[in-house]
PDB file of N, CA and C in Angstrom:
ATOM      1  N   ILE A   1      18.803 -16.529   5.812  1.00  0.00           N
ATOM      2  CA  ILE A   1      17.406 -16.443   6.003  1.00  0.00           C
ATOM      3  C   ILE A   1      16.505 -16.779   4.806  1.00  0.00           C
ATOM      4  N   SER A   2      15.323 -17.243   4.907  1.00  0.00           N
ATOM      5  CA  SER A   2      14.484 -17.787   3.881  1.00  0.00           C
ATOM      6  C   SER A   2      13.343 -16.754   3.672  1.00  0.00           C
ATOM      7  N   VAL A   3      13.167 -16.050   2.359  1.00  0.00           N
ATOM      8  CA  VAL A   3      12.363 -15.437   2.173  1.00  0.00           C
ATOM      9  C   VAL A   3      10.923 -16.061   1.825  1.00  0.00           C
ATOM     10  N   PRO A   4       9.803 -15.539   2.788  1.00  0.00           N
ATOM     11  CA  PRO A   4       8.802 -16.220   2.620  1.00  0.00           C
ATOM     12  C   PRO A   4       7.911 -16.085   1.510  1.00  0.00           C
ATOM     13  N   ALA A   5       6.923 -17.113   0.869  1.00  0.00           N
ATOM     14  CA  ALA A   5       6.325 -17.102  -0.402  1.00  0.00           C
ATOM     15  C   ALA A   5       4.904 -16.311  -0.166  1.00  0.00           C
ATOM     16  N   VAL A   6       4.618 -15.771  -1.450  1.00  0.00           N
ATOM     17  CA  VAL A   6       3.239 -15.436  -1.368  1.00  0.00           C
ATOM     18  C   VAL A   6       2.730 -16.068  -2.725  1.00  0.00           C
ATOM     19  N   THR A   7       1.628 -16.127  -2.632  1.00  0.00           N
ATOM     20  CA  THR A   7       0.787 -16.571  -3.768  1.00  0.00           C
ATOM     21  C   THR A   7      -0.427 -15.924  -4.387  1.00  0.00           C
ATOM     22  N   ASP A   8      -1.058 -16.460  -5.648  1.00  0.00           N
ATOM     23  CA  ASP A   8      -2.203 -15.674  -5.947  1.00  0.00           C
ATOM     24  C   ASP A   8      -3.077 -15.561  -4.666  1.00  0.00           C
ATOM     25  N   GLU A   9      -3.503 -16.689  -3.900  1.00  0.00           N
ATOM     26  CA  GLU A   9      -4.228 -16.407  -2.910  1.00  0.00           C
ATOM     27  C   GLU A   9      -3.769 -15.615  -1.656  1.00  0.00           C
ATOM     28  N   THR A  10      -2.711 -15.467  -1.377  1.00  0.00           N
ATOM     29  CA  THR A  10      -2.195 -14.695  -0.357  1.00  0.00           C
ATOM     30  C   THR A  10      -1.913 -13.415  -0.676  1.00  0.00           C
ATOM     31  N   TRP A  11      -1.927 -13.059  -2.166  1.00  0.00           N
ATOM     32  CA  TRP A  11      -1.173 -11.629  -2.666  1.00  0.00           C
ATOM     33  C   TRP A  11      -2.405 -10.357  -1.794  1.00  0.00           C
ATOM     34  N   GLN A  12      -3.408 -10.641  -1.888  1.00  0.00           N
ATOM     35  CA  GLN A  12      -4.103  -9.494  -1.035  1.00  0.00           C
ATOM     36  C   GLN A  12      -3.844  -9.216   0.178  1.00  0.00           C
ATOM     37  N   SER A  13      -3.877 -10.094   1.198  1.00  0.00           N
ATOM     38  CA  SER A  13      -3.569  -9.925   2.427  1.00  0.00           C
ATOM     39  C   SER A  13      -2.111  -9.653   2.829  1.00  0.00           C
ATOM     40  N   LEU A  14      -1.353 -10.168   1.859  1.00  0.00           N
ATOM     41  CA  LEU A  14       0.293  -9.858   2.566  1.00  0.00           C
ATOM     42  C   LEU A  14       0.871  -8.822   1.769  1.00  0.00           C
ATOM     43  N   ILE A  15       0.477  -8.899   0.489  1.00  0.00           N
ATOM     44  CA  ILE A  15       1.412  -7.367  -0.162  1.00  0.00           C
ATOM     45  C   ILE A  15       0.148  -5.821  -0.226  1.00  0.00           C
ATOM     46  N   ILE A  16      -0.866  -6.406  -0.681  1.00  0.00           N
ATOM     47  CA  ILE A  16      -2.235  -4.991  -0.887  1.00  0.00           C
ATOM     48  C   ILE A  16      -2.462  -4.464   0.218  1.00  0.00           C
ATOM     49  N   GLU A  17      -2.583  -5.151   1.225  1.00  0.00           N
ATOM     50  CA  GLU A  17      -2.922  -4.775   2.729  1.00  0.00           C
ATOM     51  C   GLU A  17      -1.941  -4.430   3.510  1.00  0.00           C
ATOM     52  N   ALA A  18      -0.843  -4.802   3.090  1.00  0.00           N
ATOM     53  CA  ALA A  18       0.520  -4.636   4.218  1.00  0.00           C
ATOM     54  C   ALA A  18       0.533  -3.391   4.620  1.00  0.00           C
ATOM     55  N   ASP A  19       1.070  -3.088   5.818  1.00  0.00           N
ATOM     56  CA  ASP A  19       1.595  -1.826   6.522  1.00  0.00           C
ATOM     57  C   ASP A  19       2.930  -1.886   6.266  1.00  0.00           C
ATOM     58  N   GLY A  20       3.379  -0.619   5.296  1.00  0.00           N
ATOM     59  CA  GLY A  20       4.366  -0.205   4.694  1.00  0.00           C
ATOM     60  C   GLY A  20       4.969  -1.119   3.602  1.00  0.00           C
ATOM     61  N   PRO A  21       6.224  -0.546   3.397  1.00  0.00           N
ATOM     62  CA  PRO A  21       6.658  -1.129   1.913  1.00  0.00           C
ATOM     63  C   PRO A  21       6.765  -2.412   1.881  1.00  0.00           C
ATOM     64  N   VAL A  22       6.672  -3.098   0.652  1.00  0.00           N
ATOM     65  CA  VAL A  22       6.864  -4.509   0.366  1.00  0.00           C
ATOM     66  C   VAL A  22       7.821  -4.927  -0.552  1.00  0.00           C
ATOM     67  N   LEU A  23       8.730  -5.591  -0.772  1.00  0.00           N
ATOM     68  CA  LEU A  23       9.494  -5.999  -1.893  1.00  0.00           C
ATOM     69  C   LEU A  23       9.012  -7.376  -2.381  1.00  0.00           C
ATOM     70  N   VAL A  24       8.687  -7.729  -3.390  1.00  0.00           N
ATOM     71  CA  VAL A  24       8.549  -9.044  -4.049  1.00  0.00           C
ATOM     72  C   VAL A  24       9.152  -9.319  -5.280  1.00  0.00           C
ATOM     73  N   GLU A  25       9.904 -10.344  -5.008  1.00  0.00           N
ATOM     74  CA  GLU A  25      10.723 -11.161  -5.911  1.00  0.00           C
ATOM     75  C   GLU A  25       9.781 -12.097  -6.917  1.00  0.00           C
ATOM     76  N   PHE A  26       9.644 -11.728  -8.327  1.00  0.00           N
ATOM     77  CA  PHE A  26       8.937 -12.737  -9.115  1.00  0.00           C
ATOM     78  C   PHE A  26       9.902 -13.549  -9.832  1.00  0.00           C
ATOM     79  N   TRP A  27       9.841 -14.724  -9.514  1.00  0.00           N
ATOM     80  CA  TRP A  27      11.019 -16.042  -9.810  1.00  0.00           C
ATOM     81  C   TRP A  27      10.306 -17.026 -10.420  1.00  0.00           C
ATOM     82  N   ALA A  28      10.988 -18.266 -10.729  1.00  0.00           N
ATOM     83  CA  ALA A  28      10.764 -19.591 -11.086  1.00  0.00           C
ATOM     84  C   ALA A  28      11.948 -20.654 -10.498  1.00  0.00           C
ATOM     85  N   PRO A  29      11.619 -21.727 -10.506  1.00  0.00           N
ATOM     86  CA  PRO A  29      12.355 -22.665  -9.966  1.00  0.00           C
ATOM     87  C   PRO A  29      13.759 -23.060 -11.212  1.00  0.00           C
ATOM     88  N   TRP A  30      13.202 -22.689 -12.414  1.00  0.00           N
ATOM     89  CA  TRP A  30      14.131 -23.105 -13.654  1.00  0.00           C
ATOM     90  C   TRP A  30      14.756 -22.068 -13.998  1.00  0.00           C
ATOM     91  N   CYS A  31      14.515 -20.955 -13.433  1.00  0.00           N
ATOM     92  CA  CYS A  31      15.437 -19.460 -13.873  1.00  0.00           C
ATOM     93  C   CYS A  31      16.764 -19.438 -13.082  1.00  0.00           C
ATOM     94  N   GLY A  32      17.821 -19.125 -13.776  1.00  0.00           N
ATOM     95  CA  GLY A  32      19.247 -19.271 -13.256  1.00  0.00           C
ATOM     96  C   GLY A  32      19.520 -18.044 -12.790  1.00  0.00           C
ATOM     97  N   PRO A  33      19.154 -16.885 -13.378  1.00  0.00           N
ATOM     98  CA  PRO A  33      19.261 -15.492 -12.682  1.00  0.00           C
ATOM     99  C   PRO A  33      18.553 -15.373 -11.481  1.00  0.00           C
ATOM    100  N   CYS A  34      17.332 -15.971 -11.376  1.00  0.00           N
ATOM    101  CA  CYS A  34      16.791 -15.941 -10.196  1.00  0.00           C
ATOM    102  C   CYS A  34      17.424 -16.605  -8.954  1.00  0.00           C
ATOM    103  N   ARG A  35      17.954 -17.528  -9.249  1.00  0.00           N
ATOM    104  CA  ARG A  35      19.122 -18.226  -7.900  1.00  0.00           C
ATOM    105  C   ARG A  35      20.234 -17.041  -7.487  1.00  0.00           C
ATOM    106  N   ILE A  36      20.723 -16.256  -8.495  1.00  0.00           N
ATOM    107  CA  ILE A  36      21.439 -15.498  -8.157  1.00  0.00           C
ATOM    108  C   ILE A  36      21.268 -14.302  -7.489  1.00  0.00           C
ATOM    109  N   ILE A  37      19.872 -13.859  -7.487  1.00  0.00           N
ATOM    110  CA  ILE A  37      19.492 -12.673  -6.675  1.00  0.00           C
ATOM    111  C   ILE A  37      18.654 -13.265  -5.333  1.00  0.00           C
ATOM    112  N   HIS A  38      18.575 -14.591  -5.312  1.00  0.00           N
ATOM    113  CA  HIS A  38      18.030 -14.875  -4.116  1.00  0.00           C
ATOM    114  C   HIS A  38      18.491 -14.360  -2.703  1.00  0.00           C
ATOM    115  N   PRO A  39      19.933 -14.576  -2.820  1.00  0.00           N
ATOM    116  CA  PRO A  39      20.545 -14.198  -1.581  1.00  0.00           C
ATOM    117  C   PRO A  39      20.657 -12.734  -1.485  1.00  0.00           C
ATOM    118  N   VAL A  40      20.374 -11.855  -2.477  1.00  0.00           N
ATOM    119  CA  VAL A  40      20.257 -10.370  -2.422  1.00  0.00           C
ATOM    120  C   VAL A  40      19.018 -10.028  -1.680  1.00  0.00           C
ATOM    121  N   ILE A  41      17.972 -10.623  -1.823  1.00  0.00           N
ATOM    122  CA  ILE A  41      16.592 -10.276  -1.278  1.00  0.00           C
ATOM    123  C   ILE A  41      16.740 -10.914   0.038  1.00  0.00           C
ATOM    124  N   ALA A  42      17.145 -11.964   0.280  1.00  0.00           N
ATOM    125  CA  ALA A  42      17.309 -12.384   1.581  1.00  0.00           C
ATOM    126  C   ALA A  42      18.017 -11.390   2.642  1.00  0.00           C
ATOM    127  N   GLU A  43      19.355 -10.874   1.871  1.00  0.00           N
ATOM    128  CA  GLU A  43      20.165 -10.024   2.468  1.00  0.00           C
ATOM    129  C   GLU A  43      19.209  -8.818   2.960  1.00  0.00           C
ATOM    130  N   LEU A  44      18.412  -8.169   2.097  1.00  0.00           N
ATOM    131  CA  LEU A  44      17.696  -6.902   2.085  1.00  0.00           C
ATOM    132  C   LEU A  44      16.748  -7.040   3.381  1.00  0.00           C
ATOM    133  N   SER A  45      16.063  -8.353   3.349  1.00  0.00           N
ATOM    134  CA  SER A  45      15.175  -8.760   4.148  1.00  0.00           C
ATOM    135  C   SER A  45      15.640  -8.776   5.797  1.00  0.00           C
ATOM    136  N   THR A  46      16.867  -9.141   5.859  1.00  0.00           N
ATOM    137  CA  THR A  46      17.603  -9.091   7.118  1.00  0.00           C
ATOM    138  C   THR A  46      18.017  -7.758   7.431  1.00  0.00           C
ATOM    139  N   GLU A  47      18.598  -6.788   6.434  1.00  0.00           N
ATOM    140  CA  GLU A  47      19.083  -5.456   6.636  1.00  0.00           C
ATOM    141  C   GLU A  47      18.061  -4.596   6.848  1.00  0.00           C
ATOM    142  N   TYR A  48      16.760  -4.675   6.292  1.00  0.00           N
ATOM    143  CA  TYR A  48      15.863  -3.601   6.629  1.00  0.00           C
ATOM    144  C   TYR A  48      14.454  -4.157   7.226  1.00  0.00           C
ATOM    145  N   ASP A  49      15.035  -5.482   8.258  1.00  0.00           N
ATOM    146  CA  ASP A  49      13.885  -6.064   9.080  1.00  0.00           C
ATOM    147  C   ASP A  49      13.196  -4.862   9.592  1.00  0.00           C
ATOM    148  N   GLY A  50      11.774  -4.890   9.941  1.00  0.00           N
ATOM    149  CA  GLY A  50      11.117  -3.834  10.570  1.00  0.00           C
ATOM    150  C   GLY A  50      10.554  -2.796   9.543  1.00  0.00           C
ATOM    151  N   LYS A  51      11.150  -2.632   8.318  1.00  0.00           N
ATOM    152  CA  LYS A  51      11.088  -1.397   7.790  1.00  0.00           C
ATOM    153  C   LYS A  51      10.800  -1.991   6.327  1.00  0.00           C
ATOM    154  N   LEU A  52      11.003  -3.216   5.979  1.00  0.00           N
ATOM    155  CA  LEU A  52      10.434  -3.613   4.762  1.00  0.00           C
ATOM    156  C   LEU A  52      10.244  -4.934   4.785  1.00  0.00           C
ATOM    157  N   LYS A  53       9.166  -5.441   4.174  1.00  0.00           N
ATOM    158  CA  LYS A  53       8.771  -6.966   4.221  1.00  0.00           C
ATOM    159  C   LYS A  53       9.122  -7.230   2.615  1.00  0.00           C
ATOM    160  N   CYS A  54      10.132  -8.632   2.630  1.00  0.00           N
ATOM    161  CA  CYS A  54      10.393  -9.136   1.453  1.00  0.00           C
ATOM    162  C   CYS A  54       9.125 -10.512   1.272  1.00  0.00           C
ATOM    163  N   PHE A  55       9.147 -10.737  -0.030  1.00  0.00           N
ATOM    164  CA  PHE A  55       8.365 -12.015  -0.308  1.00  0.00           C
ATOM    165  C   PHE A  55       8.712 -12.318  -1.385  1.00  0.00           C
ATOM    166  N   LYS A  56       8.630 -13.850  -2.122  1.00  0.00           N
ATOM    167  CA  LYS A  56       8.776 -14.245  -3.133  1.00  0.00           C
ATOM    168  C   LYS A  56       7.340 -14.858  -3.984  1.00  0.00           C
ATOM    169  N   LEU A  57       7.522 -14.676  -5.247  1.00  0.00           N
ATOM    170  CA  LEU A  57       6.163 -15.511  -5.808  1.00  0.00           C
ATOM    171  C   LEU A  57       6.854 -15.921  -7.140  1.00  0.00           C
ATOM    172  N   ASN A  58       6.213 -17.358  -6.895  1.00  0.00           N
ATOM    173  CA  ASN A  58       6.803 -18.388  -8.236  1.00  0.00           C
ATOM    174  C   ASN A  58       5.483 -18.240  -9.022  1.00  0.00           C
ATOM    175  N   THR A  59       6.095 -17.455 -10.229  1.00  0.00           N
ATOM    176  CA  THR A  59       5.471 -17.398 -11.383  1.00  0.00           C
ATOM    177  C   THR A  59       4.771 -18.555 -12.034  1.00  0.00           C
ATOM    178  N   ASP A  60       5.411 -19.641 -11.820  1.00  0.00           N
ATOM    179  CA  ASP A  60       4.840 -20.911 -12.402  1.00  0.00           C
ATOM    180  C   ASP A  60       3.685 -21.404 -11.610  1.00  0.00           C
ATOM    181  N   GLU A  61       3.439 -20.864 -10.386  1.00  0.00           N
ATOM    182  CA  GLU A  61       2.463 -21.552  -9.451  1.00  0.00           C
ATOM    183  C   GLU A  61       1.393 -20.282  -9.368  1.00  0.00           C
ATOM    184  N   SER A  62       1.759 -18.954  -9.402  1.00  0.00           N
ATOM    185  CA  SER A  62       0.899 -18.250  -9.383  1.00  0.00           C
ATOM    186  C   SER A  62       0.678 -17.033 -10.389  1.00  0.00           C
ATOM    187  N   PRO A  63       0.115 -17.855 -11.684  1.00  0.00           N
ATOM    188  CA  PRO A  63      -0.046 -17.138 -13.011  1.00  0.00           C
ATOM    189  C   PRO A  63      -0.863 -15.892 -12.915  1.00  0.00           C
ATOM    190  N   SER A  64      -2.187 -16.107 -11.924  1.00  0.00           N
ATOM    191  CA  SER A  64      -2.985 -14.813 -12.165  1.00  0.00           C
ATOM    192  C   SER A  64      -2.253 -13.386 -11.679  1.00  0.00           C
ATOM    193  N   THR A  65      -1.533 -13.607 -10.782  1.00  0.00           N
ATOM    194  CA  THR A  65      -0.693 -12.288 -10.305  1.00  0.00           C
ATOM    195  C   THR A  65       0.339 -11.850 -11.350  1.00  0.00           C
ATOM    196  N   THR A  66       0.932 -12.862 -11.844  1.00  0.00           N
ATOM    197  CA  THR A  66       1.991 -12.972 -12.899  1.00  0.00           C
ATOM    198  C   THR A  66       1.203 -11.955 -13.847  1.00  0.00           C
ATOM    199  N   THR A  67       0.505 -12.453 -14.381  1.00  0.00           N
ATOM    200  CA  THR A  67      -0.486 -11.771 -15.613  1.00  0.00           C
ATOM    201  C   THR A  67      -0.559 -10.332 -15.057  1.00  0.00           C
ATOM    202  N   LYS A  68      -1.257 -10.224 -14.122  1.00  0.00           N
ATOM    203  CA  LYS A  68      -2.011  -9.019 -13.698  1.00  0.00           C
ATOM    204  C   LYS A  68      -0.848  -7.890 -13.736  1.00  0.00           C
ATOM    205  N   TYR A  69       0.253  -8.017 -13.189  1.00  0.00           N
ATOM    206  CA  TYR A  69       1.183  -7.094 -13.315  1.00  0.00           C
ATOM    207  C   TYR A  69       2.316  -7.046 -14.444  1.00  0.00           C
ATOM    208  N   GLY A  70       1.791  -7.986 -15.357  1.00  0.00           N
ATOM    209  CA  GLY A  70       2.616  -7.857 -16.749  1.00  0.00           C
ATOM    210  C   GLY A  70       4.165  -8.306 -16.574  1.00  0.00           C
ATOM    211  N   ILE A  71       4.272  -9.481 -15.655  1.00  0.00           N
ATOM    212  CA  ILE A  71       5.369 -10.109 -15.714  1.00  0.00           C
ATOM    213  C   ILE A  71       5.902 -10.957 -16.899  1.00  0.00           C
ATOM    214  N   ARG A  72       6.903 -10.443 -17.383  1.00  0.00           N
ATOM    215  CA  ARG A  72       7.237 -10.866 -18.837  1.00  0.00           C
ATOM    216  C   ARG A  72       8.679 -11.912 -18.652  1.00  0.00           C
ATOM    217  N   SER A  73       9.451 -11.054 -18.049  1.00  0.00           N
ATOM    218  CA  SER A  73      10.758 -11.334 -17.607  1.00  0.00           C
ATOM    219  C   SER A  73      11.385 -11.691 -16.221  1.00  0.00           C
ATOM    220  N   ILE A  74      11.950 -12.774 -15.895  1.00  0.00           N
ATOM    221  CA  ILE A  74      12.203 -12.795 -14.574  1.00  0.00           C
ATOM    222  C   ILE A  74      13.720 -13.057 -14.211  1.00  0.00           C
ATOM    223  N   PRO A  75      14.104 -12.747 -13.437  1.00  0.00           N
ATOM    224  CA  PRO A  75      13.656 -12.334 -12.161  1.00  0.00           C
ATOM    225  C   PRO A  75      12.869 -10.869 -12.505  1.00  0.00           C
ATOM    226  N   THR A  76      11.909 -10.377 -11.666  1.00  0.00           N
ATOM    227  CA  THR A  76      11.503  -9.163 -11.652  1.00  0.00           C
ATOM    228  C   THR A  76      11.396  -8.791  -9.926  1.00  0.00           C
ATOM    229  N   ILE A  77      11.796  -7.815  -9.638  1.00  0.00           N
ATOM    230  CA  ILE A  77      11.582  -7.163  -8.308  1.00  0.00           C
ATOM    231  C   ILE A  77      10.603  -6.099  -8.448  1.00  0.00           C
ATOM    232  N   MET A  78       9.886  -6.132  -7.500  1.00  0.00           N
ATOM    233  CA  MET A  78       8.620  -4.936  -7.318  1.00  0.00           C
ATOM    234  C   MET A  78       8.520  -4.337  -6.037  1.00  0.00           C
ATOM    235  N   ILE A  79       8.548  -3.326  -5.752  1.00  0.00           N
ATOM    236  CA  ILE A  79       8.325  -2.530  -4.258  1.00  0.00           C
ATOM    237  C   ILE A  79       6.988  -1.946  -4.673  1.00  0.00           C
ATOM    238  N   PHE A  80       6.006  -2.380  -3.232  1.00  0.00           N
ATOM    239  CA  PHE A  80       4.656  -1.939  -3.312  1.00  0.00           C
ATOM    240  C   PHE A  80       4.599  -1.273  -2.102  1.00  0.00           C
ATOM    241  N   LYS A  81       3.715  -0.142  -1.934  1.00  0.00           N
ATOM    242  CA  LYS A  81       3.581   0.593  -0.880  1.00  0.00           C
ATOM    243  C   LYS A  81       2.103   1.018  -0.906  1.00  0.00           C
ATOM    244  N   ASN A  82       1.243   1.001   0.040  1.00  0.00           N
ATOM    245  CA  ASN A  82      -0.234   1.137   0.339  1.00  0.00           C
ATOM    246  C   ASN A  82      -0.956   0.768  -0.894  1.00  0.00           C
ATOM    247  N   GLY A  83      -0.288  -0.639  -1.139  1.00  0.00           N
ATOM    248  CA  GLY A  83      -1.111  -1.405  -2.122  1.00  0.00           C
ATOM    249  C   GLY A  83      -0.825  -1.319  -3.469  1.00  0.00           C
ATOM    250  N   GLU A  84       0.221  -0.051  -3.658  1.00  0.00           N
ATOM    251  CA  GLU A  84       0.481   0.361  -5.146  1.00  0.00           C
ATOM    252  C   GLU A  84       1.776   0.040  -5.566  1.00  0.00           C
ATOM    253  N   LYS A  85       2.177  -0.733  -6.601  1.00  0.00           N
ATOM    254  CA  LYS A  85       3.593  -0.720  -7.538  1.00  0.00           C
ATOM    255  C   LYS A  85       4.365   0.633  -7.591  1.00  0.00           C
ATOM    256  N   LYS A  86       5.198   0.710  -6.732  1.00  0.00           N
ATOM    257  CA  LYS A  86       6.009   1.951  -6.642  1.00  0.00           C
ATOM    258  C   LYS A  86       7.343   2.097  -7.659  1.00  0.00           C
ATOM    259  N   ASP A  87       7.772   0.740  -7.791  1.00  0.00           N
ATOM    260  CA  ASP A  87       9.073   0.540  -8.448  1.00  0.00           C
ATOM    261  C   ASP A  87       9.582  -0.995  -9.009  1.00  0.00           C
ATOM    262  N   ALA A  88      10.202  -0.868 -10.127  1.00  0.00           N
ATOM    263  CA  ALA A  88      10.456  -2.477 -10.172  1.00  0.00           C
ATOM    264  C   ALA A  88      12.109  -2.387 -10.939  1.00  0.00           C
ATOM    265  N   ILE A  89      12.493  -3.619 -10.965  1.00  0.00           N
ATOM    266  CA  ILE A  89      13.732  -3.802 -11.505  1.00  0.00           C
ATOM    267  C   ILE A  89      13.409  -5.258 -12.284  1.00  0.00           C
ATOM    268  N   ILE A  90      13.953  -5.208 -13.562  1.00  0.00           N
ATOM    269  CA  ILE A  90      13.704  -6.494 -14.414  1.00  0.00           C
ATOM    270  C   ILE A  90      15.250  -7.174 -14.487  1.00  0.00           C
ATOM    271  N   GLY A  91      15.435  -8.311 -13.993  1.00  0.00           N
ATOM    272  CA  GLY A  91      16.856  -8.933 -14.148  1.00  0.00           C
ATOM    273  C   GLY A  91      17.573  -9.226 -12.729  1.00  0.00           C
ATOM    274  N   SER A  92      18.703  -9.495 -12.821  1.00  0.00           N
ATOM    275  CA  SER A  92      19.223  -9.731 -11.606  1.00  0.00           C
ATOM    276  C   SER A  92      20.515  -8.774 -11.290  1.00  0.00           C
ATOM    277  N   ASP A  93      20.133  -7.933 -11.127  1.00  0.00           N
ATOM    278  CA  ASP A  93      20.982  -6.571 -11.016  1.00  0.00           C
ATOM    279  C   ASP A  93      21.210  -6.326  -9.429  1.00  0.00           C
ATOM    280  N   ALA A  94      22.144  -7.025  -8.675  1.00  0.00           N
ATOM    281  CA  ALA A  94      21.987  -6.858  -7.120  1.00  0.00           C
ATOM    282  C   ALA A  94      22.300  -5.480  -6.798  1.00  0.00           C
ATOM    283  N   GLU A  95      22.891  -4.926  -7.294  1.00  0.00           N
ATOM    284  CA  GLU A  95      23.274  -3.278  -6.708  1.00  0.00           C
ATOM    285  C   GLU A  95      22.101  -2.390  -7.032  1.00  0.00           C
ATOM    286  N   ARG A  96      21.298  -2.734  -7.995  1.00  0.00           N
ATOM    287  CA  ARG A  96      19.830  -1.930  -8.108  1.00  0.00           C
ATOM    288  C   ARG A  96      19.106  -2.528  -7.195  1.00  0.00           C
ATOM    289  N   CYS A  97      18.865  -3.888  -6.774  1.00  0.00           N
ATOM    290  CA  CYS A  97      18.423  -4.263  -5.758  1.00  0.00           C
ATOM    291  C   CYS A  97      18.422  -3.638  -4.348  1.00  0.00           C
ATOM    292  N   ARG A  98      19.731  -3.220  -4.041  1.00  0.00           N
ATOM    293  CA  ARG A  98      19.913  -2.779  -2.769  1.00  0.00           C
ATOM    294  C   ARG A  98      19.924  -1.376  -2.632  1.00  0.00           C
ATOM    295  N   THR A  99      19.638  -0.710  -4.018  1.00  0.00           N
ATOM    296  CA  THR A  99      19.142   0.814  -4.201  1.00  0.00           C
ATOM    297  C   THR A  99      17.667   0.871  -3.856  1.00  0.00           C
ATOM    298  N   LEU A 100      17.387  -0.072  -4.266  1.00  0.00           N
ATOM    299  CA  LEU A 100      15.716  -0.225  -3.897  1.00  0.00           C
ATOM    300  C   LEU A 100      15.216  -0.274  -2.478  1.00  0.00           C
ATOM    301  N   GLY A 101      16.050  -0.770  -1.802  1.00  0.00           N
ATOM    302  CA  GLY A 101      15.920  -1.007  -0.478  1.00  0.00           C
ATOM    303  C   GLY A 101      16.419   0.432   0.174  1.00  0.00           C
ATOM    304  N   ARG A 102      17.243   0.919  -0.381  1.00  0.00           N
ATOM    305  CA  ARG A 102      17.768   2.331   0.289  1.00  0.00           C
ATOM    306  C   ARG A 102      16.516   3.251   0.056  1.00  0.00           C
ATOM    307  N   GLY A 103      15.928   3.088  -0.748  1.00  0.00           N
ATOM    308  CA  GLY A 103      14.752   4.225  -1.093  1.00  0.00           C
ATOM    309  C   GLY A 103      13.583   4.028  -0.241  1.00  0.00           C
ATOM    310  N   ILE A 104      13.435   3.171   0.198  1.00  0.00           N
ATOM    311  CA  ILE A 104      12.065   2.890   1.086  1.00  0.00           C
ATOM    312  C   ILE A 104      11.844   4.014   2.350  1.00  0.00           C
TER     313      ILE A 104
END
């Protein structure tokens, strides 16, 4: 399964105004650890279908959102609920990402 993209332009409607919890992976094409975590995010998207929406944001293509949330290292995984950041993981820790999903 492919995780859909979110951009600076779609951030408000897809993340901030979303019903229910949303997971966002901040990544870039040149980031090796990001490629490691992609399948984990896809797995969470399938496992929590209907309970958790998952998106990925290319930090190179969406600098405004990246800056707004203080992203300095990628991958960074954030959980949002009711438009507010609730939790974050920096790095490609697959087990911590799975734990995030269980906490929704």
